[in-house]
Amino acid sequence: MNLHARHTKKIWLLLVVAGVLFPATGPTASAGDLEAVLKTGELRHLGIVYANFVTEKKNGLDVELMQLFSAYLGVKYTFVETDWQNVLADLTGKVVKPKGDTIDVLGESPVRGDIIATGFTILPWRKEIVDFSETTFPTGVWLIAGAQSNLQPIAPTDDITRDIHTVKKMLHGISVLGIRDSCLDPDLYGIHETGATIKLFPANRNLNDMIPAIMARMADSTLMDVPVALIALEKWPGDIKVVGPISPQQGMACAFPKTSPRLLKAFNEFFRQCKQNGIYQRLVQKYYPSVFTYYPDFFAN
């Protein structure tokens, strides 16, 4: 479906009225913001092969969403593949390293894209370098174990804080797989304080391979976000089990350079329309049909 027919002229008009395209005074807008995307006629989507957000065939929930956003803007869609180590540098031109809830800037890097859309979890330290859109997908981190593991799923309660505490009490002497500087970083969830043995998965590997790794007994368990876990439960029924939550509910969103406020605003307007007319729900149903069972309130709203 082409969404841009009624909107492209409106976007250009708003930019002219605001003095963005032809400013009378003040600094010009930074490269990569909405007017630059419209001028080049191309939206560069930074994506990582990850679950059903971006698949190996280069389709998926976020691919289709970005294709629709490109059509809404009236520009060409271009997919730019990246990885977890370089995705923020590819967007912002800054090489950064997390330091608690903040970051250290280590250097400069060429900018390769205009927007990150790849099942990207909103984390405090990431907010220091990018601006996030409205939340596009609910998530959280679960502990996943192989069927052969002695770890047993907890009996869930209506208090997720209590459930997280119950899971963590089981981890003493258990090996837990995670990835540094990601939403699966054990340090984000205090795993080192549980007496668990932390094993780190290579950051340049596909995160989809983490669950097969515990099935191959490389570790007793792994941290995993909900979307990947949902796909894995369908793909390997009986081979893995969800022990319980490690984090409260989190959110995923698209990420923009802090120099692109108008592109961010345009996306939020587009995304709200996609939700209102049912397009986004149909995309989610296509790629994550079981998520409605786990997060009914998110999609009801």
C-alpha atoms as a PDB file:
ATOM      1  CA  MET A   1       0.000   0.000   0.000  1.00  0.00           C
ATOM      2  CA  ASN A   2       1.320   3.487  -0.942  1.00  0.00           C
ATOM      3  CA  LEU A   3       0.807   5.827   1.986  1.00  0.00           C
ATOM      4  CA  HIS A   4       2.614   8.888   0.685  1.00  0.00           C
ATOM      5  CA  ALA A   5       0.145  10.298  -1.852  1.00  0.00           C
ATOM      6  CA  ARG A   6      -1.681  12.519   0.643  1.00  0.00           C
ATOM      7  CA  HIS A   7       1.311  13.358   2.787  1.00  0.00           C
ATOM      8  CA  THR A   8       4.389  14.252   0.717  1.00  0.00           C
ATOM      9  CA  LYS A   9       3.056  17.660  -0.333  1.00  0.00           C
ATOM     10  CA  LYS A  10       2.025  18.354   3.267  1.00  0.00           C
ATOM     11  CA  ILE A  11       5.510  17.540   4.556  1.00  0.00           C
ATOM     12  CA  TRP A  12       7.200  19.846   2.045  1.00  0.00           C
ATOM     13  CA  LEU A  13       4.733  22.649   2.846  1.00  0.00           C
ATOM     14  CA  LEU A  14       5.385  22.320   6.562  1.00  0.00           C
ATOM     15  CA  LEU A  15       9.124  22.494   5.981  1.00  0.00           C
ATOM     16  CA  VAL A  16       8.817  25.636   3.874  1.00  0.00           C
ATOM     17  CA  VAL A  17       6.485  27.348   6.371  1.00  0.00           C
ATOM     18  CA  ALA A  18       8.846  26.469   9.227  1.00  0.00           C
ATOM     19  CA  GLY A  19      11.737  27.987   7.308  1.00  0.00           C
ATOM     20  CA  VAL A  20      13.536  24.653   7.159  1.00  0.00           C
ATOM     21  CA  LEU A  21      14.102  24.438   3.427  1.00  0.00           C
ATOM     22  CA  PHE A  22      14.526  28.195   2.964  1.00  0.00           C
ATOM     23  CA  PRO A  23      15.465  29.627   6.370  1.00  0.00           C
ATOM     24  CA  ALA A  24      15.644  33.374   6.682  1.00  0.00           C
ATOM     25  CA  THR A  25      17.908  33.247   9.708  1.00  0.00           C
ATOM     26  CA  GLY A  26      19.638  30.756  11.930  1.00  0.00           C
ATOM     27  CA  PRO A  27      21.775  27.697  11.188  1.00  0.00           C
ATOM     28  CA  THR A  28      20.876  25.220   8.501  1.00  0.00           C
ATOM     29  CA  ALA A  29      19.582  21.813   9.513  1.00  0.00           C
ATOM     30  CA  SER A  30      21.991  18.948  10.017  1.00  0.00           C
ATOM     31  CA  ALA A  31      22.553  16.439   7.247  1.00  0.00           C
ATOM     32  CA  GLY A  32      20.367  13.380   7.497  1.00  0.00           C
ATOM     33  CA  ASP A  33      17.272  15.147   8.820  1.00  0.00           C
ATOM     34  CA  LEU A  34      13.955  15.083   6.943  1.00  0.00           C
ATOM     35  CA  GLU A  35      14.816  17.760   4.400  1.00  0.00           C
ATOM     36  CA  ALA A  36      18.048  15.953   3.484  1.00  0.00           C
ATOM     37  CA  VAL A  37      16.183  12.662   3.002  1.00  0.00           C
ATOM     38  CA  LEU A  38      13.627  14.396   0.793  1.00  0.00           C
ATOM     39  CA  LYS A  39      16.352  16.158  -1.182  1.00  0.00           C
ATOM     40  CA  THR A  40      18.343  12.978  -1.848  1.00  0.00           C
ATOM     41  CA  GLY A  41      15.169  11.018  -2.493  1.00  0.00           C
ATOM     42  CA  GLU A  42      16.391   8.073  -0.398  1.00  0.00           C
ATOM     43  CA  LEU A  43      15.781   6.690   3.087  1.00  0.00           C
ATOM     44  CA  ARG A  44      18.636   4.499   4.294  1.00  0.00           C
ATOM     45  CA  HIS A  45      17.384   1.855   6.729  1.00  0.00           C
ATOM     46  CA  LEU A  46      20.049   0.443   9.038  1.00  0.00           C
ATOM     47  CA  GLY A  47      19.101  -3.106   9.919  1.00  0.00           C
ATOM     48  CA  ILE A  48      20.591  -6.238  11.466  1.00  0.00           C
ATOM     49  CA  VAL A  49      19.430  -9.767  10.675  1.00  0.00           C
ATOM     50  CA  TYR A  50      17.484 -10.397  13.854  1.00  0.00           C
ATOM     51  CA  ALA A  51      14.455 -12.594  14.509  1.00  0.00           C
ATOM     52  CA  ASN A  52      11.486 -11.553  12.349  1.00  0.00           C
ATOM     53  CA  PHE A  53      12.360  -7.877  12.427  1.00  0.00           C
ATOM     54  CA  VAL A  54      14.968  -8.325   9.688  1.00  0.00           C
ATOM     55  CA  THR A  55      15.294 -11.813   8.223  1.00  0.00           C
ATOM     56  CA  GLU A  56      18.095 -13.346   6.199  1.00  0.00           C
ATOM     57  CA  LYS A  57      15.921 -12.836   3.115  1.00  0.00           C
ATOM     58  CA  LYS A  58      15.880  -9.114   3.984  1.00  0.00           C
ATOM     59  CA  ASN A  59      12.198  -8.981   4.743  1.00  0.00           C
ATOM     60  CA  GLY A  60      10.515  -8.790   8.134  1.00  0.00           C
ATOM     61  CA  LEU A  61       8.440  -6.517  10.335  1.00  0.00           C
ATOM     62  CA  ASP A  62      10.872  -3.587  10.415  1.00  0.00           C
ATOM     63  CA  VAL A  63      11.776  -3.954   6.740  1.00  0.00           C
ATOM     64  CA  GLU A  64       8.139  -3.660   5.697  1.00  0.00           C
ATOM     65  CA  LEU A  65       7.574  -0.808   8.143  1.00  0.00           C
ATOM     66  CA  MET A  66      10.510   1.142   6.691  1.00  0.00           C
ATOM     67  CA  GLN A  67       9.363   0.436   3.141  1.00  0.00           C
ATOM     68  CA  LEU A  68       5.981   1.918   4.040  1.00  0.00           C
ATOM     69  CA  PHE A  69       7.636   4.909   5.716  1.00  0.00           C
ATOM     70  CA  SER A  70       9.739   5.513   2.601  1.00  0.00           C
ATOM     71  CA  ALA A  71       6.583   5.436   0.484  1.00  0.00           C
ATOM     72  CA  TYR A  72       4.911   7.829   2.923  1.00  0.00           C
ATOM     73  CA  LEU A  73       7.787  10.271   2.415  1.00  0.00           C
ATOM     74  CA  GLY A  74       7.824   9.667  -1.333  1.00  0.00           C
ATOM     75  CA  VAL A  75      11.451   8.510  -1.412  1.00  0.00           C
ATOM     76  CA  LYS A  76      13.354   5.375  -2.388  1.00  0.00           C
ATOM     77  CA  TYR A  77      13.893   2.706   0.245  1.00  0.00           C
ATOM     78  CA  THR A  78      17.448   1.396   0.704  1.00  0.00           C
ATOM     79  CA  PHE A  79      18.406  -1.363   3.147  1.00  0.00           C
ATOM     80  CA  VAL A  80      21.869  -0.996   4.716  1.00  0.00           C
ATOM     81  CA  GLU A  81      22.987  -4.077   6.611  1.00  0.00           C
ATOM     82  CA  THR A  82      25.027  -3.538   9.755  1.00  0.00           C
ATOM     83  CA  ASP A  83      25.765  -5.358  13.024  1.00  0.00           C
ATOM     84  CA  TRP A  84      25.370  -4.755  16.752  1.00  0.00           C
ATOM     85  CA  GLN A  85      28.943  -3.514  17.143  1.00  0.00           C
ATOM     86  CA  ASN A  86      28.647  -0.814  14.483  1.00  0.00           C
ATOM     87  CA  VAL A  87      24.980   0.105  14.208  1.00  0.00           C
ATOM     88  CA  LEU A  88      25.143   3.229  16.390  1.00  0.00           C
ATOM     89  CA  ALA A  89      28.293   4.484  14.690  1.00  0.00           C
ATOM     90  CA  ASP A  90      26.682   3.881  11.295  1.00  0.00           C
ATOM     91  CA  LEU A  91      23.790   6.124  12.351  1.00  0.00           C
ATOM     92  CA  THR A  92      25.488   8.860  14.362  1.00  0.00           C
ATOM     93  CA  GLY A  93      29.077   8.947  13.143  1.00  0.00           C
ATOM     94  CA  LYS A  94      30.231   8.412  16.741  1.00  0.00           C
ATOM     95  CA  VAL A  95      31.946   5.294  18.066  1.00  0.00           C
ATOM     96  CA  VAL A  96      30.685   4.878  21.618  1.00  0.00           C
ATOM     97  CA  LYS A  97      31.067   2.500  24.525  1.00  0.00           C
ATOM     98  CA  PRO A  98      28.443   2.129  27.276  1.00  0.00           C
ATOM     99  CA  LYS A  99      29.471   3.242  30.749  1.00  0.00           C
ATOM    100  CA  GLY A 100      26.586   2.407  33.045  1.00  0.00           C
ATOM    101  CA  ASP A 101      23.658   4.542  31.937  1.00  0.00           C
ATOM    102  CA  THR A 102      25.905   6.881  29.989  1.00  0.00           C
ATOM    103  CA  ILE A 103      28.550   6.529  27.246  1.00  0.00           C
ATOM    104  CA  ASP A 104      32.134   7.308  26.349  1.00  0.00           C
ATOM    105  CA  VAL A 105      32.756   8.622  22.832  1.00  0.00           C
ATOM    106  CA  LEU A 106      35.803   6.835  21.454  1.00  0.00           C
ATOM    107  CA  GLY A 107      36.034   8.218  17.935  1.00  0.00           C
ATOM    108  CA  GLU A 108      34.429   9.103  14.623  1.00  0.00           C
ATOM    109  CA  SER A 109      32.963   6.890  11.911  1.00  0.00           C
ATOM    110  CA  PRO A 110      31.277   7.378   8.516  1.00  0.00           C
ATOM    111  CA  VAL A 111      27.495   7.756   8.638  1.00  0.00           C
ATOM    112  CA  ARG A 112      25.799   5.027   6.592  1.00  0.00           C
ATOM    113  CA  GLY A 113      22.109   5.356   7.389  1.00  0.00           C
ATOM    114  CA  ASP A 114      19.251   7.596   8.463  1.00  0.00           C
ATOM    115  CA  ILE A 115      17.271   5.368  10.827  1.00  0.00           C
ATOM    116  CA  ILE A 116      17.762   2.181  12.865  1.00  0.00           C
ATOM    117  CA  ALA A 117      14.837  -0.234  12.753  1.00  0.00           C
ATOM    118  CA  THR A 118      15.806  -3.740  13.768  1.00  0.00           C
ATOM    119  CA  GLY A 119      14.077  -4.732  17.002  1.00  0.00           C
ATOM    120  CA  PHE A 120      16.142  -2.087  18.824  1.00  0.00           C
ATOM    121  CA  THR A 121      15.556  -2.026  22.579  1.00  0.00           C
ATOM    122  CA  ILE A 122      15.270   1.314  24.354  1.00  0.00           C
ATOM    123  CA  LEU A 123      18.095   1.448  26.923  1.00  0.00           C
ATOM    124  CA  PRO A 124      19.185   4.421  29.065  1.00  0.00           C
ATOM    125  CA  TRP A 125      22.712   4.530  27.658  1.00  0.00           C
ATOM    126  CA  ARG A 126      21.413   4.436  24.089  1.00  0.00           C
ATOM    127  CA  LYS A 127      19.313   7.521  24.814  1.00  0.00           C
ATOM    128  CA  GLU A 128      22.577   9.401  25.324  1.00  0.00           C
ATOM    129  CA  ILE A 129      23.489   9.022  21.646  1.00  0.00           C
ATOM    130  CA  VAL A 130      20.157   8.627  19.783  1.00  0.00           C
ATOM    131  CA  ASP A 131      16.539   9.746  20.015  1.00  0.00           C
ATOM    132  CA  PHE A 132      13.897   7.019  20.020  1.00  0.00           C
ATOM    133  CA  SER A 133      10.537   7.025  18.305  1.00  0.00           C
ATOM    134  CA  GLU A 134       7.323   6.049  19.996  1.00  0.00           C
ATOM    135  CA  THR A 135       7.561   2.473  21.241  1.00  0.00           C
ATOM    136  CA  THR A 136       6.893   0.150  18.317  1.00  0.00           C
ATOM    137  CA  PHE A 137       7.106  -3.262  19.996  1.00  0.00           C
ATOM    138  CA  PRO A 138       6.933  -4.629  23.544  1.00  0.00           C
ATOM    139  CA  THR A 139       9.720  -6.801  24.830  1.00  0.00           C
ATOM    140  CA  GLY A 140      11.568  -7.967  27.916  1.00  0.00           C
ATOM    141  CA  VAL A 141      14.388 -10.351  28.762  1.00  0.00           C
ATOM    142  CA  TRP A 142      13.679 -13.955  29.687  1.00  0.00           C
ATOM    143  CA  LEU A 143      15.980 -16.700  30.893  1.00  0.00           C
ATOM    144  CA  ILE A 144      15.853 -19.608  28.445  1.00  0.00           C
ATOM    145  CA  ALA A 145      17.232 -23.092  29.173  1.00  0.00           C
ATOM    146  CA  GLY A 146      17.517 -26.263  27.138  1.00  0.00           C
ATOM    147  CA  ALA A 147      15.020 -29.044  27.763  1.00  0.00           C
ATOM    148  CA  GLN A 148      17.800 -31.116  29.365  1.00  0.00           C
ATOM    149  CA  SER A 149      18.562 -28.447  31.978  1.00  0.00           C
ATOM    150  CA  ASN A 150      17.738 -28.967  35.653  1.00  0.00           C
ATOM    151  CA  LEU A 151      16.356 -25.429  35.713  1.00  0.00           C
ATOM    152  CA  GLN A 152      12.568 -25.503  35.944  1.00  0.00           C
ATOM    153  CA  PRO A 153      10.119 -22.776  34.893  1.00  0.00           C
ATOM    154  CA  ILE A 154       8.871 -20.713  37.797  1.00  0.00           C
ATOM    155  CA  ALA A 155       5.198 -20.430  38.705  1.00  0.00           C
ATOM    156  CA  PRO A 156       4.428 -16.872  37.597  1.00  0.00           C
ATOM    157  CA  THR A 157       2.678 -14.431  39.909  1.00  0.00           C
ATOM    158  CA  ASP A 158       1.071 -11.056  39.288  1.00  0.00           C
ATOM    159  CA  ASP A 159       4.245  -9.351  40.557  1.00  0.00           C
ATOM    160  CA  ILE A 160       7.026  -9.378  37.963  1.00  0.00           C
ATOM    161  CA  THR A 161       9.566  -8.041  40.474  1.00  0.00           C
ATOM    162  CA  ARG A 162       8.933 -11.099  42.628  1.00  0.00           C
ATOM    163  CA  ASP A 163       9.182 -13.358  39.571  1.00  0.00           C
ATOM    164  CA  ILE A 164      12.541 -11.849  38.579  1.00  0.00           C
ATOM    165  CA  HIS A 165      13.830 -12.381  42.122  1.00  0.00           C
ATOM    166  CA  THR A 166      12.689 -16.021  42.027  1.00  0.00           C
ATOM    167  CA  VAL A 167      14.540 -16.633  38.761  1.00  0.00           C
ATOM    168  CA  LYS A 168      17.729 -14.998  39.994  1.00  0.00           C
ATOM    169  CA  LYS A 169      17.748 -17.147  43.155  1.00  0.00           C
ATOM    170  CA  MET A 170      18.085 -20.204  40.882  1.00  0.00           C
ATOM    171  CA  LEU A 171      21.230 -19.003  39.106  1.00  0.00           C
ATOM    172  CA  HIS A 172      23.956 -19.768  41.649  1.00  0.00           C
ATOM    173  CA  GLY A 173      26.464 -22.058  39.894  1.00  0.00           C
ATOM    174  CA  ILE A 174      24.523 -21.883  36.611  1.00  0.00           C
ATOM    175  CA  SER A 175      26.193 -20.685  33.406  1.00  0.00           C
ATOM    176  CA  VAL A 176      24.334 -17.843  31.671  1.00  0.00           C
ATOM    177  CA  LEU A 177      25.010 -16.714  28.121  1.00  0.00           C
ATOM    178  CA  GLY A 178      24.831 -13.003  27.305  1.00  0.00           C
ATOM    179  CA  ILE A 179      26.223 -10.313  25.013  1.00  0.00           C
ATOM    180  CA  ARG A 180      28.103  -7.249  26.191  1.00  0.00           C
ATOM    181  CA  ASP A 181      26.839  -3.760  25.270  1.00  0.00           C
ATOM    182  CA  SER A 182      23.436  -5.017  24.154  1.00  0.00           C
ATOM    183  CA  CYS A 183      19.976  -5.537  25.659  1.00  0.00           C
ATOM    184  CA  LEU A 184      21.294  -9.002  26.640  1.00  0.00           C
ATOM    185  CA  ASP A 185      24.228  -7.663  28.645  1.00  0.00           C
ATOM    186  CA  PRO A 186      24.337  -9.540  31.984  1.00  0.00           C
ATOM    187  CA  ASP A 187      25.530  -6.363  33.736  1.00  0.00           C
ATOM    188  CA  LEU A 188      22.192  -4.665  33.007  1.00  0.00           C
ATOM    189  CA  TYR A 189      20.365  -7.185  35.166  1.00  0.00           C
ATOM    190  CA  GLY A 190      22.835  -7.849  37.989  1.00  0.00           C
ATOM    191  CA  ILE A 191      23.510 -11.425  36.871  1.00  0.00           C
ATOM    192  CA  HIS A 192      27.045 -11.313  38.285  1.00  0.00           C
ATOM    193  CA  GLU A 193      25.536 -10.795  41.763  1.00  0.00           C
ATOM    194  CA  THR A 194      23.613 -14.094  41.619  1.00  0.00           C
ATOM    195  CA  GLY A 195      26.629 -16.401  41.702  1.00  0.00           C
ATOM    196  CA  ALA A 196      26.064 -17.412  38.083  1.00  0.00           C
ATOM    197  CA  THR A 197      28.929 -18.102  35.700  1.00  0.00           C
ATOM    198  CA  ILE A 198      28.668 -15.565  32.896  1.00  0.00           C
ATOM    199  CA  LYS A 199      29.583 -16.646  29.379  1.00  0.00           C
ATOM    200  CA  LEU A 200      29.759 -14.072  26.614  1.00  0.00           C
ATOM    201  CA  PHE A 201      28.477 -14.736  23.116  1.00  0.00           C
ATOM    202  CA  PRO A 202      30.538 -13.066  20.344  1.00  0.00           C
ATOM    203  CA  ALA A 203      28.937  -9.721  19.466  1.00  0.00           C
ATOM    204  CA  ASN A 204      29.590 -10.246  15.756  1.00  0.00           C
ATOM    205  CA  ARG A 205      27.529 -13.452  15.710  1.00  0.00           C
ATOM    206  CA  ASN A 206      23.853 -13.587  14.842  1.00  0.00           C
ATOM    207  CA  LEU A 207      21.825 -13.324  18.070  1.00  0.00           C
ATOM    208  CA  ASN A 208      19.445 -15.905  16.633  1.00  0.00           C
ATOM    209  CA  ASP A 209      22.236 -18.453  17.256  1.00  0.00           C
ATOM    210  CA  MET A 210      22.189 -18.036  21.035  1.00  0.00           C
ATOM    211  CA  ILE A 211      19.341 -20.456  21.667  1.00  0.00           C
ATOM    212  CA  PRO A 212      20.877 -23.185  19.450  1.00  0.00           C
ATOM    213  CA  ALA A 213      24.042 -22.641  21.510  1.00  0.00           C
ATOM    214  CA  ILE A 214      22.319 -23.693  24.736  1.00  0.00           C
ATOM    215  CA  MET A 215      20.644 -26.580  22.926  1.00  0.00           C
ATOM    216  CA  ALA A 216      24.199 -27.671  22.052  1.00  0.00           C
ATOM    217  CA  ARG A 217      25.053 -27.305  25.787  1.00  0.00           C
ATOM    218  CA  MET A 218      27.530 -24.448  25.367  1.00  0.00           C
ATOM    219  CA  ALA A 219      25.868 -22.966  28.469  1.00  0.00           C
ATOM    220  CA  ASP A 220      23.132 -23.939  30.895  1.00  0.00           C
ATOM    221  CA  SER A 221      20.967 -20.985  29.958  1.00  0.00           C
ATOM    222  CA  THR A 222      20.839 -17.771  27.967  1.00  0.00           C
ATOM    223  CA  LEU A 223      19.373 -14.326  28.315  1.00  0.00           C
ATOM    224  CA  MET A 224      16.980 -13.722  25.438  1.00  0.00           C
ATOM    225  CA  ASP A 225      14.524 -11.036  24.498  1.00  0.00           C
ATOM    226  CA  VAL A 226      10.893 -11.965  24.098  1.00  0.00           C
ATOM    227  CA  PRO A 227      10.517 -11.700  20.290  1.00  0.00           C
ATOM    228  CA  VAL A 228      13.372 -14.138  19.626  1.00  0.00           C
ATOM    229  CA  ALA A 229      12.126 -16.450  22.360  1.00  0.00           C
ATOM    230  CA  LEU A 230       8.644 -16.544  20.850  1.00  0.00           C
ATOM    231  CA  ILE A 231      10.024 -17.592  17.469  1.00  0.00           C
ATOM    232  CA  ALA A 232      12.300 -20.183  19.089  1.00  0.00           C
ATOM    233  CA  LEU A 233       9.430 -21.748  21.034  1.00  0.00           C
ATOM    234  CA  GLU A 234       7.585 -22.269  17.752  1.00  0.00           C
ATOM    235  CA  LYS A 235      10.691 -23.495  15.913  1.00  0.00           C
ATOM    236  CA  TRP A 236      11.962 -25.906  18.582  1.00  0.00           C
ATOM    237  CA  PRO A 237       8.943 -27.036  20.607  1.00  0.00           C
ATOM    238  CA  GLY A 238      10.002 -29.317  23.445  1.00  0.00           C
ATOM    239  CA  ASP A 239      13.705 -28.482  23.047  1.00  0.00           C
ATOM    240  CA  ILE A 240      13.799 -25.317  25.161  1.00  0.00           C
ATOM    241  CA  LYS A 241      11.907 -23.840  28.094  1.00  0.00           C
ATOM    242  CA  VAL A 242      11.277 -20.388  29.506  1.00  0.00           C
ATOM    243  CA  VAL A 243      12.507 -20.333  33.101  1.00  0.00           C
ATOM    244  CA  GLY A 244      11.114 -16.858  33.791  1.00  0.00           C
ATOM    245  CA  PRO A 245      11.701 -13.111  33.433  1.00  0.00           C
ATOM    246  CA  ILE A 246      14.998 -11.344  34.053  1.00  0.00           C
ATOM    247  CA  SER A 247      13.705  -7.836  33.329  1.00  0.00           C
ATOM    248  CA  PRO A 248      10.440  -5.908  33.583  1.00  0.00           C
ATOM    249  CA  GLN A 249       8.653  -5.124  30.337  1.00  0.00           C
ATOM    250  CA  GLN A 250      10.812  -3.097  27.968  1.00  0.00           C
ATOM    251  CA  GLY A 251      10.132  -1.391  24.662  1.00  0.00           C
ATOM    252  CA  MET A 252      11.645  -1.455  21.199  1.00  0.00           C
ATOM    253  CA  ALA A 253      11.630   1.553  18.889  1.00  0.00           C
ATOM    254  CA  CYS A 254      13.267   3.133  15.871  1.00  0.00           C
ATOM    255  CA  ALA A 255      16.375   5.208  16.566  1.00  0.00           C
ATOM    256  CA  PHE A 256      17.331   8.527  14.989  1.00  0.00           C
ATOM    257  CA  PRO A 257      20.385  10.763  15.236  1.00  0.00           C
ATOM    258  CA  LYS A 258      19.873  13.624  17.653  1.00  0.00           C
ATOM    259  CA  THR A 259      20.369  15.884  14.624  1.00  0.00           C
ATOM    260  CA  SER A 260      17.189  14.534  12.957  1.00  0.00           C
ATOM    261  CA  PRO A 261      14.221  15.822  14.986  1.00  0.00           C
ATOM    262  CA  ARG A 262      12.001  16.426  11.947  1.00  0.00           C
ATOM    263  CA  LEU A 263      12.577  12.953  10.530  1.00  0.00           C
ATOM    264  CA  LEU A 264      11.683  11.551  13.954  1.00  0.00           C
ATOM    265  CA  LYS A 265       8.530  13.680  14.071  1.00  0.00           C
ATOM    266  CA  ALA A 266       7.515  12.521  10.581  1.00  0.00           C
ATOM    267  CA  PHE A 267       7.986   8.884  11.576  1.00  0.00           C
ATOM    268  CA  ASN A 268       5.901   9.248  14.720  1.00  0.00           C
ATOM    269  CA  GLU A 269       3.086  10.795  12.691  1.00  0.00           C
ATOM    270  CA  PHE A 270       3.336   7.991  10.126  1.00  0.00           C
ATOM    271  CA  PHE A 271       3.426   5.309  12.832  1.00  0.00           C
ATOM    272  CA  ARG A 272       0.358   6.667  14.590  1.00  0.00           C
ATOM    273  CA  GLN A 273      -1.534   6.498  11.301  1.00  0.00           C
ATOM    274  CA  CYS A 274      -0.367   2.911  10.754  1.00  0.00           C
ATOM    275  CA  LYS A 275      -1.773   1.957  14.149  1.00  0.00           C
ATOM    276  CA  GLN A 276      -5.026   3.830  13.639  1.00  0.00           C
ATOM    277  CA  ASN A 277      -5.790   2.249  10.264  1.00  0.00           C
ATOM    278  CA  GLY A 278      -4.773  -1.269  11.334  1.00  0.00           C
ATOM    279  CA  ILE A 279      -1.770  -1.606   9.021  1.00  0.00           C
ATOM    280  CA  TYR A 280       0.689  -2.087  11.852  1.00  0.00           C
ATOM    281  CA  GLN A 281      -1.408  -4.686  13.641  1.00  0.00           C
ATOM    282  CA  ARG A 282      -1.600  -6.680  10.402  1.00  0.00           C
ATOM    283  CA  LEU A 283       2.195  -6.566  10.056  1.00  0.00           C
ATOM    284  CA  VAL A 284       2.631  -7.768  13.631  1.00  0.00           C
ATOM    285  CA  GLN A 285       0.121 -10.560  13.034  1.00  0.00           C
ATOM    286  CA  LYS A 286       2.152 -11.610   9.992  1.00  0.00           C
ATOM    287  CA  TYR A 287       5.521 -11.790  11.768  1.00  0.00           C
ATOM    288  CA  TYR A 288       4.702 -12.252  15.482  1.00  0.00           C
ATOM    289  CA  PRO A 289       1.214 -13.762  15.823  1.00  0.00           C
ATOM    290  CA  SER A 290       1.809 -15.079  19.359  1.00  0.00           C
ATOM    291  CA  VAL A 291       2.896 -11.704  20.800  1.00  0.00           C
ATOM    292  CA  PHE A 292      -0.745 -10.652  21.203  1.00  0.00           C
ATOM    293  CA  THR A 293      -1.132 -13.380  23.833  1.00  0.00           C
ATOM    294  CA  TYR A 294       1.752 -12.043  25.917  1.00  0.00           C
ATOM    295  CA  TYR A 295       1.156  -8.292  25.498  1.00  0.00           C
ATOM    296  CA  PRO A 296      -2.552  -7.793  24.782  1.00  0.00           C
ATOM    297  CA  ASP A 297      -2.696  -4.356  26.435  1.00  0.00           C
ATOM    298  CA  PHE A 298       0.079  -2.915  24.266  1.00  0.00           C
ATOM    299  CA  PHE A 299      -1.701  -3.708  21.028  1.00  0.00           C
ATOM    300  CA  ALA A 300      -5.165  -2.958  22.376  1.00  0.00           C
ATOM    301  CA  ASN A 301      -4.048   0.581  23.005  1.00  0.00           C
END
